[in-house]
Protein backbone atom coordinates (compact mmCIF):
# COMPACT_ATOMS: atom_id res chain seq x y z
CA MET A 1 100.92 157.61 85.87
CA ALA A 2 99.74 153.95 87.40
CA LEU A 3 96.46 155.51 88.50
CA GLY A 4 96.09 157.10 85.84
CA LEU A 5 96.78 153.71 83.37
CA ARG A 6 94.65 151.88 86.33
CA ARG A 7 91.89 154.02 85.39
CA LEU A 8 92.16 155.45 82.04
CA PRO A 9 94.30 152.30 80.12
CA ARG A 10 93.09 152.64 76.48
CA ALA A 11 94.28 156.19 76.49
CA GLY A 12 97.38 155.56 78.12
CA ILE A 13 97.98 152.68 75.78
CA VAL A 14 96.96 154.60 72.56
CA LEU A 15 99.52 157.67 74.57
CA ALA A 16 102.61 155.31 75.03
CA SER A 17 101.71 154.28 70.93
CA PHE A 18 102.27 157.88 69.79
CA SER A 19 105.10 158.17 71.91
CA ILE A 20 106.51 155.57 70.75
CA VAL A 21 105.94 155.46 66.55
CA LEU A 22 107.21 159.35 67.27
CA MET A 23 110.45 157.97 68.79
CA THR A 24 111.33 154.68 66.35
CA LEU A 25 110.53 157.28 63.04
CA ALA A 26 113.17 159.23 64.79
CA THR A 27 115.41 156.69 64.68
CA ALA A 28 114.85 154.95 61.12
CA VAL A 29 115.50 158.80 60.29
CA SER A 30 119.10 158.92 62.64
CA ASN A 31 119.94 158.26 65.75
CA ALA A 32 122.18 161.91 66.05
CA PRO A 33 120.76 164.72 63.97
CA ASN A 34 122.58 167.95 64.93
CA LEU A 35 120.88 169.13 66.96
CA PRO A 36 121.80 172.86 67.72
CA LYS A 37 121.15 173.26 63.99
CA TYR A 38 117.75 172.42 64.49
CA PRO A 39 115.45 174.46 67.16
CA PHE A 40 112.75 172.02 66.26
CA PRO A 41 114.17 168.42 65.16
CA LEU A 42 110.04 166.85 64.50
CA SER A 43 109.10 169.82 61.40
CA GLN A 44 113.27 170.44 60.77
CA PHE A 45 114.92 167.30 60.28
CA TYR A 46 112.66 164.18 61.29
CA LEU A 47 109.41 165.14 59.13
CA PRO A 48 111.99 166.36 55.72
CA ALA A 49 113.83 163.06 55.85
CA LEU A 50 111.21 160.83 56.70
CA ALA A 51 109.00 162.13 53.89
CA ALA A 52 111.67 162.24 51.23
CA GLY A 53 112.57 158.22 52.11
CA ASP A 54 116.32 159.11 53.80
CA LEU A 55 116.80 156.49 56.24
CA ALA A 56 119.23 154.87 58.53
CA ASP A 57 119.94 151.28 57.87
CA ASN A 58 117.40 149.23 58.77
CA LEU A 59 115.80 145.68 58.28
CA GLY A 60 113.10 146.48 54.77
CA GLY A 61 116.88 148.03 53.58
CA LEU A 62 118.94 144.51 54.24
CA LEU A 63 116.07 142.79 52.07
CA GLY A 64 115.75 145.21 49.40
CA LEU A 65 113.26 147.15 50.15
CA PRO A 66 113.76 151.03 49.11
CA GLY A 67 112.62 154.16 50.74
CA LEU A 68 110.13 154.23 52.72
CA LEU A 69 108.72 151.02 51.71
CA SER A 70 112.23 149.47 53.90
CA LEU A 71 110.17 150.70 57.16
CA ALA A 72 107.31 147.56 56.25
CA PRO A 73 108.75 145.19 58.38
CA LEU A 74 108.61 147.08 61.28
CA VAL A 75 105.37 149.08 60.94
CA VAL A 76 104.71 145.18 60.52
CA LEU A 77 105.71 144.75 64.19
CA LEU A 78 104.61 147.63 64.81
CA LEU A 79 100.72 147.35 64.34
CA ALA A 80 101.05 143.61 65.95
CA ALA A 81 102.19 145.14 68.76
CA ALA A 82 99.81 147.51 69.46
CA GLY A 83 96.79 144.77 68.43
CA TRP A 84 97.94 143.01 71.11
CA LEU A 85 98.45 146.03 73.86
CA TRP A 86 95.20 146.98 73.04
CA GLN A 87 93.68 143.43 73.67
CA GLU A 88 96.12 143.98 76.80
CA PRO A 89 93.27 145.97 79.12
CA SER A 90 89.76 143.92 78.44
CA ARG A 91 91.38 141.06 80.23
CA GLU A 92 89.85 140.89 83.64
CA ASN A 93 92.83 142.54 85.75
CA SER A 94 93.24 141.08 89.20
CA ASP A 95 95.70 141.59 91.49
CA PRO A 96 97.54 139.19 93.16
CA VAL A 97 97.33 140.62 97.09
CA ALA A 98 93.74 141.58 96.81
CA ASP A 99 92.97 137.99 96.14
CA GLY A 100 95.20 136.86 98.62
CA ALA A 101 98.41 135.57 96.57
């Protein structure tokens, strides 16, 4: 995995970000669905619940934001983190062992 990230850091970040978004949205809907009832939980449970605005309690809801709008604080944080990660690979990568440190 580390070798792949060194060769294609931006692709790794895109895939990791996609995974983080999927897991975050699944948790935003419910952290404990009845999985035996849903053989394909993403398409049968999570996405329909998300589309209907049926979300678990979250920061946006506590701030009074309704439905999908309650995910706005989370989306802002995710976009900020993704932007920071996107810039990270462009820095000069230095290996402390190779540099003699």
